[in-house]
Amino acid sequence: MLRSRKTLLVFAFSVAALVGLGSWAIQVKIRAEARETVGQSLIAVRDTTHHALGAWFKEHKTAATIWADATQVRQAARELLRLSPDEARLRSSPAQRDLRA
C-alpha cells in the first residue's frame, strides 16, 4: 500500500508539472502572438499616418503655391517687406489687413 501511495504521489506531481509546463508554454506562445499582432497594427498605423501626412502636406503646398501666385498677395508681401521689422507696425499696416481680408 505504501508503494502504491508513493507511485500515486509521483504520478500526481508529474501530471501537475506537465500541466504547469504546458500552461507556461501556451502563455509564452500567446504572448509572442500578441506582440506580433500589436507590432503589425503599429506598423499599419505608422504607414497610414505617413501617407496621410504626405497627402496633407501636398495639399497645403499646392494651396500655398496658388496663394503665393496671386497678384494681390505678392503686392501686399512686397509692401510688408518694405516696412521696418517692427511687430506693431507690421500688424497695423494696410498690407497686413489686405492679406487677412
Protein backbone atom coordinates (compact mmCIF):
# COMPACT_ATOMS: atom_id res chain seq x y z
CA MET A 1 0.00 0.00 0.00
CA LEU A 2 2.83 2.40 0.83
CA ARG A 3 4.40 1.77 -2.57
CA SER A 4 1.17 2.48 -4.43
CA ARG A 5 0.72 5.69 -2.45
CA LYS A 6 4.24 6.83 -3.43
CA THR A 7 3.51 5.95 -7.03
CA LEU A 8 0.27 7.87 -6.90
CA LEU A 9 2.05 10.95 -5.43
CA VAL A 10 4.80 10.80 -8.06
CA PHE A 11 2.16 10.43 -10.77
CA ALA A 12 0.13 13.36 -9.37
CA PHE A 13 3.20 15.61 -9.15
CA SER A 14 4.25 14.57 -12.66
CA VAL A 15 0.82 15.43 -14.06
CA ALA A 16 0.83 18.74 -12.18
CA ALA A 17 4.30 19.54 -13.53
CA LEU A 18 3.25 18.67 -17.08
CA VAL A 19 0.10 20.79 -16.79
CA GLY A 20 2.15 23.68 -15.38
CA LEU A 21 4.77 23.34 -18.10
CA GLY A 22 2.09 23.15 -20.78
CA SER A 23 0.34 26.22 -19.38
CA TRP A 24 3.60 28.14 -19.35
CA ALA A 25 4.34 27.14 -22.97
CA ILE A 26 0.87 28.23 -24.08
CA GLN A 27 1.25 31.55 -22.25
CA VAL A 28 4.61 32.18 -23.96
CA LYS A 29 3.05 31.43 -27.35
CA ILE A 30 0.05 33.70 -26.70
CA ARG A 31 2.36 36.50 -25.56
CA ALA A 32 4.50 36.16 -28.70
CA GLU A 33 1.43 36.18 -30.96
CA ALA A 34 0.03 39.23 -29.15
CA ARG A 35 3.32 41.09 -29.59
CA GLU A 36 3.34 40.22 -33.28
CA THR A 37 -0.25 41.40 -33.72
CA VAL A 38 0.36 44.66 -31.85
CA GLY A 39 3.56 45.20 -33.82
CA GLN A 40 1.75 44.75 -37.13
CA SER A 41 -1.01 47.10 -36.00
CA LEU A 42 1.51 49.77 -35.04
CA ILE A 43 3.26 49.43 -38.39
CA ALA A 44 -0.09 49.82 -40.17
CA VAL A 45 -0.87 52.95 -38.12
CA ARG A 46 2.58 54.37 -38.85
CA ASP A 47 2.27 53.73 -42.59
CA THR A 48 -1.26 55.15 -42.76
CA THR A 49 -0.26 58.25 -40.81
CA HIS A 50 2.80 58.74 -43.01
CA HIS A 51 0.65 58.52 -46.13
CA ALA A 52 -1.99 60.89 -44.71
CA LEU A 53 0.62 63.45 -43.66
CA GLY A 54 2.20 63.28 -47.11
CA ALA A 55 -1.16 63.93 -48.76
CA TRP A 56 -1.95 66.73 -46.29
CA PHE A 57 1.42 68.37 -46.93
CA LYS A 58 0.96 68.14 -50.69
CA GLU A 59 -2.48 69.75 -50.48
CA HIS A 60 -1.22 72.60 -48.31
CA LYS A 61 1.82 73.12 -50.50
CA THR A 62 -0.44 73.35 -53.55
CA ALA A 63 -2.72 75.84 -51.78
CA ALA A 64 0.26 77.92 -50.64
CA THR A 65 1.65 77.97 -54.18
CA ILE A 66 -1.70 79.12 -55.56
CA TRP A 67 -1.97 81.87 -52.94
CA ALA A 68 1.64 82.92 -53.48
CA ASP A 69 0.99 83.33 -57.21
CA ALA A 70 -1.91 85.71 -56.59
CA THR A 71 -1.07 89.27 -57.62
CA GLN A 72 -2.71 90.80 -54.55
CA VAL A 73 -0.73 88.57 -52.20
CA ARG A 74 2.56 89.35 -53.93
CA GLN A 75 1.84 93.08 -53.84
CA ALA A 76 0.94 93.00 -50.13
CA ALA A 77 4.05 90.94 -49.37
CA ARG A 78 6.26 93.47 -51.18
CA GLU A 79 4.70 96.30 -49.16
CA LEU A 80 5.30 94.42 -45.91
CA LEU A 81 8.92 93.75 -46.86
CA ARG A 82 9.46 97.50 -47.37
CA LEU A 83 8.38 98.23 -43.78
CA SER A 84 10.76 98.11 -40.84
CA PRO A 85 10.59 94.81 -38.94
CA ASP A 86 8.57 96.30 -36.08
CA GLU A 87 5.79 93.94 -34.99
CA ALA A 88 3.26 96.67 -34.17
CA ARG A 89 3.87 98.45 -37.48
CA LEU A 90 3.61 95.21 -39.47
CA ARG A 91 0.38 94.18 -37.75
CA SER A 92 -1.28 97.55 -38.28
CA SER A 93 -0.19 98.06 -41.88
CA PRO A 94 -2.82 98.20 -44.64
CA ALA A 95 -1.00 95.41 -46.49
CA GLN A 96 -1.48 93.11 -43.50
CA ARG A 97 -5.17 93.97 -43.36
CA ASP A 98 -5.45 93.21 -47.09
CA LEU A 99 -3.83 89.80 -46.58
CA ARG A 100 -6.16 88.93 -43.70
CA ALA A 101 -9.31 90.06 -45.50
